[in-house]
Amino acid sequence: MLTLSDIYEAQKRLSPYVFRTPVIRLKALDEALHCKVYVKAENMQKINAFKIRGALNKALQLSPETLKNGIVTASSGNHGRGVAFAGKLLGVPVTVVMPEHAPEVKKAAIKALGAEIVLCEKSQRFIIAERITKEKGACFIHPFDDYDVMAGQGTAGLEMMNQLPKVDKVIVPVGGGGLISGIATAIKGTRDSVKVYGVEPALCARYTESFKKGEPTLVPIGDTIADGTMTAKPGEKTFPIVREKVDGIIPVEEQFIHKAVKLLFLEGKILAEPSSCMTLGAALQGALPVKEDDNVIFFLSGGNVDLSLIERICAEK
C-alpha cells in the first residue's frame, strides 16, 4: 500500500535531483475561475513535468542486478522522459514505447536523453512494452500503477501543503491516477480538511465510468487534446486510493480545455500542456465546487507542448 511515510522517504531520496517548483498566485484569473487562483508550476520542473518525481523515485531503488538489462516503459511522453532521465543518471539503456501521434516536442526530448523510442498505436503501448521487456530481460517501470511511482508524485503534495498552508482545495489532472493517488495521500495525511478533486477529459472519462461500475473499467480513448491523460483504464492499485481519498472526479469537455489553455497563456502568462489546463477547464465549465474566497491550487502537470498547438488554440474564437 501507499503510505505517508513512503512519500516522506521519496522526498528525501529525490531532493538532490528535482526542483521544488513554485506555487504562484494568479490574481488575473480569479474572476474567470470564481476563486482565489494559485498554480503549482510543475511545468517548470526539471524535464518540464512532474513525471520525473515518480520515475526517479522508482529507479533509484532498483538494484544494479535489476537494472543490468535496462529499463522499458510505456508512456504518452512525459513519463518516458522521466524514465529516460533516470536511465541517463544511472547509466542504463532505456526503451520508451509511445503513441505514434505523440507531440514531437516530447519525442525529441526523450531522444535527447539517449533513450530508444518505439512508436505504436496508442492502445498497444502496454502490450508492446511488455513484449520488449521480456525480450530484453529488462525492468519495466509503470507510468502510474506502482506504489513507488505514486510516492514520488506525492512529494509535490507535501510541497504544496508547505507552500500554501491556507489552501482550501487542490485540483489535479487525472490519467491513470498515479499523480492524484500520491497527492491525495500526502494531503489527506497531513491536512484532511483540504479537498482534492481530479479532472479528466470527458472523451476519456475512465474514472467517472469506473466509479459508476465500482471497479476499474476500460473506456474508449477519444481524440482529446489532453494527450498526457490518454489511459483507457484506471490502475488496479490507483483505483482504490482514488476512490478512498479523492473528493470527486470531474469530466471536462474539450471546448473548455481549449479555453483554459488560452486563458492561462494570454491572461496568466504561463505556458502549460492541455493536460495541465484541464483543471482550469473544469472551473470554466462551472463544474468545480469552489467559492469566491476559496484558496485553490490548480496543479500544472507539465509544459511540454508544441508552440504551433498553442498558436492554433489562441487563434480560436
C-alpha atoms as a PDB file:
ATOM      1  CA  MET A   1       0.000   0.000   0.000  1.00  0.00           C
ATOM      2  CA  LEU A   2       0.953   3.656  -0.327  1.00  0.00           C
ATOM      3  CA  THR A   3       1.655   5.444   2.966  1.00  0.00           C
ATOM      4  CA  LEU A   4       2.530   8.976   4.017  1.00  0.00           C
ATOM      5  CA  SER A   5       5.846   7.610   5.263  1.00  0.00           C
ATOM      6  CA  ASP A   6       6.618   6.345   1.741  1.00  0.00           C
ATOM      7  CA  ILE A   7       6.127   9.861   0.400  1.00  0.00           C
ATOM      8  CA  TYR A   8       8.392  11.434   3.031  1.00  0.00           C
ATOM      9  CA  GLU A   9      11.067   8.857   2.187  1.00  0.00           C
ATOM     10  CA  ALA A  10      10.656   9.678  -1.503  1.00  0.00           C
ATOM     11  CA  GLN A  11      11.090  13.365  -0.724  1.00  0.00           C
ATOM     12  CA  LYS A  12      14.465  12.676   0.922  1.00  0.00           C
ATOM     13  CA  ARG A  13      15.521  10.425  -1.960  1.00  0.00           C
ATOM     14  CA  LEU A  14      14.567  12.939  -4.644  1.00  0.00           C
ATOM     15  CA  SER A  15      15.778  16.147  -3.027  1.00  0.00           C
ATOM     16  CA  PRO A  16      19.180  16.203  -4.796  1.00  0.00           C
ATOM     17  CA  TYR A  17      17.592  15.755  -8.212  1.00  0.00           C
ATOM     18  CA  VAL A  18      14.272  17.613  -8.555  1.00  0.00           C
ATOM     19  CA  PHE A  19      13.163  21.214  -8.254  1.00  0.00           C
ATOM     20  CA  ARG A  20      10.851  22.444  -5.533  1.00  0.00           C
ATOM     21  CA  THR A  21       8.582  24.153  -8.032  1.00  0.00           C
ATOM     22  CA  PRO A  22       6.741  27.315  -7.001  1.00  0.00           C
ATOM     23  CA  VAL A  23       3.112  27.850  -6.085  1.00  0.00           C
ATOM     24  CA  ILE A  24       2.219  31.038  -7.965  1.00  0.00           C
ATOM     25  CA  ARG A  25      -0.677  33.403  -7.209  1.00  0.00           C
ATOM     26  CA  LEU A  26      -2.547  34.383 -10.406  1.00  0.00           C
ATOM     27  CA  LYS A  27      -4.955  37.147  -9.394  1.00  0.00           C
ATOM     28  CA  ALA A  28      -5.730  37.874 -13.047  1.00  0.00           C
ATOM     29  CA  LEU A  29      -7.642  34.590 -13.273  1.00  0.00           C
ATOM     30  CA  ASP A  30      -9.775  34.960 -10.133  1.00  0.00           C
ATOM     31  CA  GLU A  31     -12.797  36.423 -11.882  1.00  0.00           C
ATOM     32  CA  ALA A  32     -12.857  33.822 -14.653  1.00  0.00           C
ATOM     33  CA  LEU A  33     -12.379  30.840 -12.310  1.00  0.00           C
ATOM     34  CA  HIS A  34     -14.524  32.157  -9.420  1.00  0.00           C
ATOM     35  CA  CYS A  35     -11.930  31.614  -6.678  1.00  0.00           C
ATOM     36  CA  LYS A  36      -8.505  32.774  -5.498  1.00  0.00           C
ATOM     37  CA  VAL A  37      -6.259  31.150  -8.071  1.00  0.00           C
ATOM     38  CA  TYR A  38      -2.875  29.577  -7.396  1.00  0.00           C
ATOM     39  CA  VAL A  39      -0.938  27.194  -9.629  1.00  0.00           C
ATOM     40  CA  LYS A  40       1.629  24.545  -8.707  1.00  0.00           C
ATOM     41  CA  ALA A  41       4.046  25.059 -11.583  1.00  0.00           C
ATOM     42  CA  GLU A  42       5.365  21.584 -12.377  1.00  0.00           C
ATOM     43  CA  ASN A  43       5.665  22.820 -15.957  1.00  0.00           C
ATOM     44  CA  MET A  44       8.801  24.472 -14.534  1.00  0.00           C
ATOM     45  CA  GLN A  45      10.091  21.164 -13.107  1.00  0.00           C
ATOM     46  CA  LYS A  46      13.256  19.512 -14.415  1.00  0.00           C
ATOM     47  CA  ILE A  47      12.130  17.823 -17.710  1.00  0.00           C
ATOM     48  CA  ASN A  48       9.206  20.315 -17.532  1.00  0.00           C
ATOM     49  CA  ALA A  49       6.837  17.795 -15.948  1.00  0.00           C
ATOM     50  CA  PHE A  50       6.050  16.159 -12.608  1.00  0.00           C
ATOM     51  CA  LYS A  51       6.758  12.705 -14.027  1.00  0.00           C
ATOM     52  CA  ILE A  52      10.430  12.869 -13.086  1.00  0.00           C
ATOM     53  CA  ARG A  53       9.395  12.503  -9.430  1.00  0.00           C
ATOM     54  CA  GLY A  54       7.782   9.082  -9.737  1.00  0.00           C
ATOM     55  CA  ALA A  55      10.101   7.664 -12.399  1.00  0.00           C
ATOM     56  CA  LEU A  56      13.248   8.616 -10.491  1.00  0.00           C
ATOM     57  CA  ASN A  57      11.914   7.524  -7.105  1.00  0.00           C
ATOM     58  CA  LYS A  58      11.314   4.067  -8.583  1.00  0.00           C
ATOM     59  CA  ALA A  59      14.592   3.834 -10.471  1.00  0.00           C
ATOM     60  CA  LEU A  60      16.755   4.942  -7.540  1.00  0.00           C
ATOM     61  CA  GLN A  61      15.506   1.973  -5.501  1.00  0.00           C
ATOM     62  CA  LEU A  62      16.331  -0.674  -8.105  1.00  0.00           C
ATOM     63  CA  SER A  63      19.417  -2.843  -7.710  1.00  0.00           C
ATOM     64  CA  PRO A  64      22.228  -2.998 -10.302  1.00  0.00           C
ATOM     65  CA  GLU A  65      21.184  -6.609 -10.966  1.00  0.00           C
ATOM     66  CA  THR A  66      17.609  -5.499 -11.760  1.00  0.00           C
ATOM     67  CA  LEU A  67      18.868  -2.700 -13.995  1.00  0.00           C
ATOM     68  CA  LYS A  68      21.563  -4.638 -15.857  1.00  0.00           C
ATOM     69  CA  ASN A  69      19.429  -5.141 -18.986  1.00  0.00           C
ATOM     70  CA  GLY A  70      17.989  -1.648 -18.936  1.00  0.00           C
ATOM     71  CA  ILE A  71      14.547  -0.153 -18.410  1.00  0.00           C
ATOM     72  CA  VAL A  72      11.420  -0.277 -20.551  1.00  0.00           C
ATOM     73  CA  THR A  73       8.311   1.837 -20.129  1.00  0.00           C
ATOM     74  CA  ALA A  74       5.071   2.803 -21.866  1.00  0.00           C
ATOM     75  CA  SER A  75       4.211   6.485 -21.947  1.00  0.00           C
ATOM     76  CA  SER A  76       2.319   9.305 -23.599  1.00  0.00           C
ATOM     77  CA  GLY A  77       5.554  11.270 -23.371  1.00  0.00           C
ATOM     78  CA  ASN A  78       6.369  12.871 -20.039  1.00  0.00           C
ATOM     79  CA  HIS A  79       6.788   9.661 -18.046  1.00  0.00           C
ATOM     80  CA  GLY A  80       9.029   8.380 -20.816  1.00  0.00           C
ATOM     81  CA  ARG A  81      11.172  11.481 -20.474  1.00  0.00           C
ATOM     82  CA  GLY A  82      11.321  10.963 -16.715  1.00  0.00           C
ATOM     83  CA  VAL A  83      12.466   7.359 -17.144  1.00  0.00           C
ATOM     84  CA  ALA A  84      14.955   8.435 -19.817  1.00  0.00           C
ATOM     85  CA  PHE A  85      16.378  10.980 -17.367  1.00  0.00           C
ATOM     86  CA  ALA A  86      16.671   8.274 -14.713  1.00  0.00           C
ATOM     87  CA  GLY A  87      18.364   5.914 -17.162  1.00  0.00           C
ATOM     88  CA  LYS A  88      20.925   8.521 -18.146  1.00  0.00           C
ATOM     89  CA  LEU A  89      21.592   9.325 -14.486  1.00  0.00           C
ATOM     90  CA  LEU A  90      22.111   5.644 -13.647  1.00  0.00           C
ATOM     91  CA  GLY A  91      23.945   4.772 -16.856  1.00  0.00           C
ATOM     92  CA  VAL A  92      21.460   2.191 -18.163  1.00  0.00           C
ATOM     93  CA  PRO A  93      19.666   1.960 -21.537  1.00  0.00           C
ATOM     94  CA  VAL A  94      16.008   2.937 -21.764  1.00  0.00           C
ATOM     95  CA  THR A  95      13.301   1.984 -24.264  1.00  0.00           C
ATOM     96  CA  VAL A  96      10.122   4.085 -24.362  1.00  0.00           C
ATOM     97  CA  VAL A  97       7.005   2.776 -26.124  1.00  0.00           C
ATOM     98  CA  MET A  98       4.754   5.694 -27.016  1.00  0.00           C
ATOM     99  CA  PRO A  99       1.929   6.659 -29.380  1.00  0.00           C
ATOM    100  CA  GLU A 100       2.981   7.463 -32.931  1.00  0.00           C
ATOM    101  CA  HIS A 101       0.993  10.706 -32.758  1.00  0.00           C
ATOM    102  CA  ALA A 102       2.623  11.921 -29.527  1.00  0.00           C
ATOM    103  CA  PRO A 103       3.769  15.558 -29.678  1.00  0.00           C
ATOM    104  CA  GLU A 104       7.093  15.980 -31.466  1.00  0.00           C
ATOM    105  CA  VAL A 105       8.438  18.055 -28.586  1.00  0.00           C
ATOM    106  CA  LYS A 106       8.067  15.029 -26.286  1.00  0.00           C
ATOM    107  CA  LYS A 107       9.676  12.620 -28.743  1.00  0.00           C
ATOM    108  CA  ALA A 108      12.621  14.953 -29.275  1.00  0.00           C
ATOM    109  CA  ALA A 109      13.174  15.423 -25.535  1.00  0.00           C
ATOM    110  CA  ILE A 110      13.253  11.659 -24.928  1.00  0.00           C
ATOM    111  CA  LYS A 111      15.694  11.075 -27.788  1.00  0.00           C
ATOM    112  CA  ALA A 112      17.922  13.873 -26.469  1.00  0.00           C
ATOM    113  CA  LEU A 113      18.356  11.885 -23.251  1.00  0.00           C
ATOM    114  CA  GLY A 114      19.625   8.895 -25.224  1.00  0.00           C
ATOM    115  CA  ALA A 115      16.566   6.648 -24.970  1.00  0.00           C
ATOM    116  CA  GLU A 116      15.241   4.458 -27.771  1.00  0.00           C
ATOM    117  CA  ILE A 117      11.675   5.192 -28.873  1.00  0.00           C
ATOM    118  CA  VAL A 118       9.263   2.576 -30.226  1.00  0.00           C
ATOM    119  CA  LEU A 119       6.161   4.128 -31.782  1.00  0.00           C
ATOM    120  CA  CYS A 120       2.807   2.349 -31.963  1.00  0.00           C
ATOM    121  CA  GLU A 121      -0.957   2.818 -31.968  1.00  0.00           C
ATOM    122  CA  LYS A 122      -1.845   4.312 -28.590  1.00  0.00           C
ATOM    123  CA  SER A 123      -3.925   1.357 -27.375  1.00  0.00           C
ATOM    124  CA  GLN A 124      -0.980  -1.039 -27.956  1.00  0.00           C
ATOM    125  CA  ARG A 125       1.596   0.704 -25.738  1.00  0.00           C
ATOM    126  CA  PHE A 126       1.488  -1.645 -22.770  1.00  0.00           C
ATOM    127  CA  ILE A 127       1.242  -4.818 -24.869  1.00  0.00           C
ATOM    128  CA  ILE A 128       4.327  -3.896 -26.881  1.00  0.00           C
ATOM    129  CA  ALA A 129       6.225  -2.676 -23.815  1.00  0.00           C
ATOM    130  CA  GLU A 130       5.558  -5.998 -22.060  1.00  0.00           C
ATOM    131  CA  ARG A 131       6.876  -7.932 -25.057  1.00  0.00           C
ATOM    132  CA  ILE A 132      10.048  -5.826 -25.280  1.00  0.00           C
ATOM    133  CA  THR A 133      10.609  -6.139 -21.531  1.00  0.00           C
ATOM    134  CA  LYS A 134      10.547  -9.933 -21.796  1.00  0.00           C
ATOM    135  CA  GLU A 135      12.763  -9.984 -24.895  1.00  0.00           C
ATOM    136  CA  LYS A 136      15.416  -7.803 -23.287  1.00  0.00           C
ATOM    137  CA  GLY A 137      15.113  -9.235 -19.783  1.00  0.00           C
ATOM    138  CA  ALA A 138      14.713  -5.604 -18.742  1.00  0.00           C
ATOM    139  CA  CYS A 139      12.959  -3.848 -15.873  1.00  0.00           C
ATOM    140  CA  PHE A 140       9.551  -2.274 -16.563  1.00  0.00           C
ATOM    141  CA  ILE A 141       8.638   0.969 -14.810  1.00  0.00           C
ATOM    142  CA  HIS A 142       4.888   1.504 -14.927  1.00  0.00           C
ATOM    143  CA  PRO A 143       3.760   5.098 -15.556  1.00  0.00           C
ATOM    144  CA  PHE A 144       1.180   5.106 -12.748  1.00  0.00           C
ATOM    145  CA  ASP A 145       0.188   1.737 -11.254  1.00  0.00           C
ATOM    146  CA  ASP A 146       3.182   1.406  -8.925  1.00  0.00           C
ATOM    147  CA  TYR A 147       3.412   2.478  -5.277  1.00  0.00           C
ATOM    148  CA  ASP A 148       6.968   3.823  -5.629  1.00  0.00           C
ATOM    149  CA  VAL A 149       5.914   5.907  -8.622  1.00  0.00           C
ATOM    150  CA  MET A 150       2.890   7.216  -6.689  1.00  0.00           C
ATOM    151  CA  ALA A 151       5.085   8.063  -3.704  1.00  0.00           C
ATOM    152  CA  GLY A 152       7.358  10.124  -5.920  1.00  0.00           C
ATOM    153  CA  GLN A 153       4.412  12.043  -7.350  1.00  0.00           C
ATOM    154  CA  GLY A 154       3.103  12.591  -3.816  1.00  0.00           C
ATOM    155  CA  THR A 155       6.142  14.704  -2.947  1.00  0.00           C
ATOM    156  CA  ALA A 156       4.502  17.537  -4.894  1.00  0.00           C
ATOM    157  CA  GLY A 157       1.577  17.288  -2.450  1.00  0.00           C
ATOM    158  CA  LEU A 158       3.887  17.720   0.541  1.00  0.00           C
ATOM    159  CA  GLU A 159       5.394  20.792  -1.116  1.00  0.00           C
ATOM    160  CA  MET A 160       2.004  22.389  -1.733  1.00  0.00           C
ATOM    161  CA  MET A 161       0.930  21.968   1.894  1.00  0.00           C
ATOM    162  CA  ASN A 162       4.135  23.678   2.990  1.00  0.00           C
ATOM    163  CA  GLN A 163       3.965  26.426   0.379  1.00  0.00           C
ATOM    164  CA  LEU A 164       0.316  27.397   0.926  1.00  0.00           C
ATOM    165  CA  PRO A 165      -0.849  26.292   4.393  1.00  0.00           C
ATOM    166  CA  LYS A 166      -4.154  28.142   3.956  1.00  0.00           C
ATOM    167  CA  VAL A 167      -5.154  26.196   0.810  1.00  0.00           C
ATOM    168  CA  ASP A 168      -8.783  25.028   0.675  1.00  0.00           C
ATOM    169  CA  LYS A 169      -8.840  22.885  -2.473  1.00  0.00           C
ATOM    170  CA  VAL A 170      -6.328  21.265  -4.815  1.00  0.00           C
ATOM    171  CA  ILE A 171      -7.339  20.398  -8.392  1.00  0.00           C
ATOM    172  CA  VAL A 172      -5.321  17.691 -10.144  1.00  0.00           C
ATOM    173  CA  PRO A 173      -5.343  16.348 -13.725  1.00  0.00           C
ATOM    174  CA  VAL A 174      -6.053  12.620 -13.927  1.00  0.00           C
ATOM    175  CA  GLY A 175      -4.832   9.989 -16.366  1.00  0.00           C
ATOM    176  CA  GLY A 176      -4.121   6.581 -14.882  1.00  0.00           C
ATOM    177  CA  GLY A 177      -4.297   8.007 -11.376  1.00  0.00           C
ATOM    178  CA  GLY A 178      -0.706   7.844 -10.134  1.00  0.00           C
ATOM    179  CA  LEU A 179      -0.382  11.596  -9.621  1.00  0.00           C
ATOM    180  CA  ILE A 180      -3.644  12.134  -7.792  1.00  0.00           C
ATOM    181  CA  SER A 181      -3.114   8.983  -5.685  1.00  0.00           C
ATOM    182  CA  GLY A 182       0.194  10.350  -4.444  1.00  0.00           C
ATOM    183  CA  ILE A 183      -1.033  13.903  -3.955  1.00  0.00           C
ATOM    184  CA  ALA A 184      -4.248  12.869  -2.180  1.00  0.00           C
ATOM    185  CA  THR A 185      -2.319  10.554   0.150  1.00  0.00           C
ATOM    186  CA  ALA A 186       0.106  13.356   1.003  1.00  0.00           C
ATOM    187  CA  ILE A 187      -2.593  15.976   1.514  1.00  0.00           C
ATOM    188  CA  LYS A 188      -5.099  13.866   3.429  1.00  0.00           C
ATOM    189  CA  GLY A 189      -2.286  12.533   5.595  1.00  0.00           C
ATOM    190  CA  THR A 190      -1.118  15.992   6.585  1.00  0.00           C
ATOM    191  CA  ARG A 191      -4.307  18.099   6.464  1.00  0.00           C
ATOM    192  CA  ASP A 192      -7.508  16.123   5.974  1.00  0.00           C
ATOM    193  CA  SER A 193      -9.693  19.258   5.709  1.00  0.00           C
ATOM    194  CA  VAL A 194      -8.209  20.155   2.304  1.00  0.00           C
ATOM    195  CA  LYS A 195     -10.398  18.939  -0.578  1.00  0.00           C
ATOM    196  CA  VAL A 196      -8.766  17.167  -3.523  1.00  0.00           C
ATOM    197  CA  TYR A 197     -10.569  16.972  -6.876  1.00  0.00           C
ATOM    198  CA  GLY A 198      -9.466  15.210 -10.045  1.00  0.00           C
ATOM    199  CA  VAL A 199     -10.228  16.348 -13.578  1.00  0.00           C
ATOM    200  CA  GLU A 200     -10.231  14.074 -16.638  1.00  0.00           C
ATOM    201  CA  PRO A 201     -11.229  14.567 -20.296  1.00  0.00           C
ATOM    202  CA  ALA A 202     -14.879  13.807 -20.986  1.00  0.00           C
ATOM    203  CA  LEU A 203     -13.617  11.967 -24.095  1.00  0.00           C
ATOM    204  CA  CYS A 204     -11.668   9.551 -21.895  1.00  0.00           C
ATOM    205  CA  ALA A 205     -13.615   9.504 -18.620  1.00  0.00           C
ATOM    206  CA  ARG A 206     -12.212   6.288 -17.218  1.00  0.00           C
ATOM    207  CA  TYR A 207     -12.568   7.225 -13.542  1.00  0.00           C
ATOM    208  CA  THR A 208     -16.075   8.618 -13.951  1.00  0.00           C
ATOM    209  CA  GLU A 209     -17.181   5.357 -15.561  1.00  0.00           C
ATOM    210  CA  SER A 210     -15.220   3.174 -13.151  1.00  0.00           C
ATOM    211  CA  PHE A 211     -16.840   4.829 -10.136  1.00  0.00           C
ATOM    212  CA  LYS A 212     -20.252   4.065 -11.653  1.00  0.00           C
ATOM    213  CA  LYS A 213     -19.287   0.402 -12.106  1.00  0.00           C
ATOM    214  CA  GLY A 214     -17.439   0.126  -8.792  1.00  0.00           C
ATOM    215  CA  GLU A 215     -14.288  -1.274 -10.388  1.00  0.00           C
ATOM    216  CA  PRO A 216     -11.573  -0.294 -12.886  1.00  0.00           C
ATOM    217  CA  THR A 217     -13.336  -0.112 -16.233  1.00  0.00           C
ATOM    218  CA  LEU A 218     -11.941   0.095 -19.762  1.00  0.00           C
ATOM    219  CA  VAL A 219     -13.283   3.022 -21.797  1.00  0.00           C
ATOM    220  CA  PRO A 220     -12.713   4.139 -25.395  1.00  0.00           C
ATOM    221  CA  ILE A 221      -9.961   6.730 -25.814  1.00  0.00           C
ATOM    222  CA  GLY A 222     -11.448   9.681 -27.637  1.00  0.00           C
ATOM    223  CA  ASP A 223      -9.488  12.227 -29.635  1.00  0.00           C
ATOM    224  CA  THR A 224      -8.748  14.553 -26.737  1.00  0.00           C
ATOM    225  CA  ILE A 225      -6.273  17.416 -26.864  1.00  0.00           C
ATOM    226  CA  ALA A 226      -5.138  16.348 -23.377  1.00  0.00           C
ATOM    227  CA  ASP A 227      -2.686  13.811 -24.817  1.00  0.00           C
ATOM    228  CA  GLY A 228      -0.918  13.235 -21.490  1.00  0.00           C
ATOM    229  CA  THR A 229      -4.024  11.639 -19.960  1.00  0.00           C
ATOM    230  CA  MET A 230      -4.896   9.084 -22.641  1.00  0.00           C
ATOM    231  CA  THR A 231      -5.109   6.000 -20.437  1.00  0.00           C
ATOM    232  CA  ALA A 232      -8.092   3.771 -21.107  1.00  0.00           C
ATOM    233  CA  LYS A 233      -8.428   2.218 -17.639  1.00  0.00           C
ATOM    234  CA  PRO A 234      -7.565   3.126 -14.025  1.00  0.00           C
ATOM    235  CA  GLY A 235      -4.802   1.155 -12.390  1.00  0.00           C
ATOM    236  CA  GLU A 236      -5.637  -1.744 -10.095  1.00  0.00           C
ATOM    237  CA  LYS A 237      -3.514  -0.085  -7.392  1.00  0.00           C
ATOM    238  CA  THR A 238      -4.515   3.517  -8.042  1.00  0.00           C
ATOM    239  CA  PHE A 239      -8.275   2.964  -8.245  1.00  0.00           C
ATOM    240  CA  PRO A 240      -8.917   2.124  -4.556  1.00  0.00           C
ATOM    241  CA  ILE A 241      -6.711   5.016  -3.419  1.00  0.00           C
ATOM    242  CA  VAL A 242      -8.545   7.498  -5.636  1.00  0.00           C
ATOM    243  CA  ARG A 243     -11.924   6.128  -4.532  1.00  0.00           C
ATOM    244  CA  GLU A 244     -10.985   6.448  -0.849  1.00  0.00           C
ATOM    245  CA  LYS A 245      -9.059   9.722  -0.730  1.00  0.00           C
ATOM    246  CA  VAL A 246     -10.249  11.936  -3.610  1.00  0.00           C
ATOM    247  CA  ASP A 247     -13.313  14.135  -3.035  1.00  0.00           C
ATOM    248  CA  GLY A 248     -14.566  13.937  -6.612  1.00  0.00           C
ATOM    249  CA  ILE A 249     -13.633  13.340 -10.268  1.00  0.00           C
ATOM    250  CA  ILE A 250     -14.879  15.834 -12.832  1.00  0.00           C
ATOM    251  CA  PRO A 251     -15.015  15.152 -16.594  1.00  0.00           C
ATOM    252  CA  VAL A 252     -14.323  18.276 -18.654  1.00  0.00           C
ATOM    253  CA  GLU A 253     -15.442  18.912 -22.223  1.00  0.00           C
ATOM    254  CA  GLU A 254     -12.885  19.647 -24.942  1.00  0.00           C
ATOM    255  CA  GLN A 255     -14.064  23.204 -25.588  1.00  0.00           C
ATOM    256  CA  PHE A 256     -13.267  24.146 -22.005  1.00  0.00           C
ATOM    257  CA  ILE A 257      -9.801  22.576 -22.159  1.00  0.00           C
ATOM    258  CA  HIS A 258      -9.123  24.773 -25.201  1.00  0.00           C
ATOM    259  CA  LYS A 259     -10.419  27.852 -23.397  1.00  0.00           C
ATOM    260  CA  ALA A 260      -8.286  27.057 -20.364  1.00  0.00           C
ATOM    261  CA  VAL A 261      -5.078  26.771 -22.417  1.00  0.00           C
ATOM    262  CA  LYS A 262      -5.815  30.143 -23.953  1.00  0.00           C
ATOM    263  CA  LEU A 263      -6.726  31.774 -20.631  1.00  0.00           C
ATOM    264  CA  LEU A 264      -3.624  30.537 -18.829  1.00  0.00           C
ATOM    265  CA  PHE A 265      -1.332  31.618 -21.657  1.00  0.00           C
ATOM    266  CA  LEU A 266      -2.847  35.007 -22.525  1.00  0.00           C
ATOM    267  CA  GLU A 267      -4.033  36.167 -19.092  1.00  0.00           C
ATOM    268  CA  GLY A 268      -1.881  34.122 -16.716  1.00  0.00           C
ATOM    269  CA  LYS A 269       1.250  34.406 -18.901  1.00  0.00           C
ATOM    270  CA  ILE A 270       2.094  30.747 -18.243  1.00  0.00           C
ATOM    271  CA  LEU A 271       2.703  28.069 -20.869  1.00  0.00           C
ATOM    272  CA  ALA A 272       1.382  24.620 -19.947  1.00  0.00           C
ATOM    273  CA  GLU A 273       0.148  21.483 -21.687  1.00  0.00           C
ATOM    274  CA  PRO A 274      -3.566  20.961 -22.349  1.00  0.00           C
ATOM    275  CA  SER A 275      -3.422  18.043 -19.895  1.00  0.00           C
ATOM    276  CA  SER A 276      -2.444  20.559 -17.207  1.00  0.00           C
ATOM    277  CA  CYS A 277      -5.032  23.090 -18.242  1.00  0.00           C
ATOM    278  CA  MET A 278      -7.915  20.638 -17.806  1.00  0.00           C
ATOM    279  CA  THR A 279      -8.025  21.695 -14.163  1.00  0.00           C
ATOM    280  CA  LEU A 280      -8.780  25.291 -15.105  1.00  0.00           C
ATOM    281  CA  GLY A 281     -11.170  23.998 -17.759  1.00  0.00           C
ATOM    282  CA  ALA A 282     -13.313  22.371 -15.088  1.00  0.00           C
ATOM    283  CA  ALA A 283     -13.683  25.753 -13.393  1.00  0.00           C
ATOM    284  CA  LEU A 284     -14.555  27.462 -16.671  1.00  0.00           C
ATOM    285  CA  GLN A 285     -17.149  24.741 -17.252  1.00  0.00           C
ATOM    286  CA  GLY A 286     -18.726  25.612 -13.898  1.00  0.00           C
ATOM    287  CA  ALA A 287     -18.169  22.072 -12.635  1.00  0.00           C
ATOM    288  CA  LEU A 288     -15.847  22.778  -9.697  1.00  0.00           C
ATOM    289  CA  PRO A 289     -17.386  23.265  -6.236  1.00  0.00           C
ATOM    290  CA  VAL A 290     -15.447  26.449  -5.433  1.00  0.00           C
ATOM    291  CA  LYS A 291     -16.353  29.758  -3.787  1.00  0.00           C
ATOM    292  CA  GLU A 292     -15.010  33.259  -4.431  1.00  0.00           C
ATOM    293  CA  ASP A 293     -12.937  33.272  -1.233  1.00  0.00           C
ATOM    294  CA  ASP A 294     -11.528  29.720  -1.612  1.00  0.00           C
ATOM    295  CA  ASN A 295      -7.759  29.418  -1.995  1.00  0.00           C
ATOM    296  CA  VAL A 296      -7.453  26.901  -4.820  1.00  0.00           C
ATOM    297  CA  ILE A 297      -4.276  25.353  -6.240  1.00  0.00           C
ATOM    298  CA  PHE A 298      -4.549  24.192  -9.844  1.00  0.00           C
ATOM    299  CA  PHE A 299      -1.830  21.612 -10.497  1.00  0.00           C
ATOM    300  CA  LEU A 300       0.031  22.291 -13.754  1.00  0.00           C
ATOM    301  CA  SER A 301       1.426  18.865 -14.547  1.00  0.00           C
ATOM    302  CA  GLY A 302       3.678  19.743 -17.485  1.00  0.00           C
ATOM    303  CA  GLY A 303       4.814  22.250 -20.065  1.00  0.00           C
ATOM    304  CA  ASN A 304       5.952  20.058 -22.965  1.00  0.00           C
ATOM    305  CA  VAL A 305       3.718  21.367 -25.716  1.00  0.00           C
ATOM    306  CA  ASP A 306       4.272  22.243 -29.361  1.00  0.00           C
ATOM    307  CA  LEU A 307       4.050  26.009 -29.807  1.00  0.00           C
ATOM    308  CA  SER A 308       2.106  25.508 -33.031  1.00  0.00           C
ATOM    309  CA  LEU A 309      -0.706  23.971 -30.961  1.00  0.00           C
ATOM    310  CA  ILE A 310      -0.758  26.957 -28.613  1.00  0.00           C
ATOM    311  CA  GLU A 311      -0.869  29.277 -31.616  1.00  0.00           C
ATOM    312  CA  ARG A 312      -3.862  27.416 -33.078  1.00  0.00           C
ATOM    313  CA  ILE A 313      -5.745  27.435 -29.777  1.00  0.00           C
ATOM    314  CA  CYS A 314      -5.113  31.128 -29.165  1.00  0.00           C
ATOM    315  CA  ALA A 315      -6.480  31.899 -32.635  1.00  0.00           C
ATOM    316  CA  GLU A 316      -9.784  30.188 -31.829  1.00  0.00           C
ATOM    317  CA  LYS A 317     -12.821  32.349 -31.123  1.00  0.00           C
END
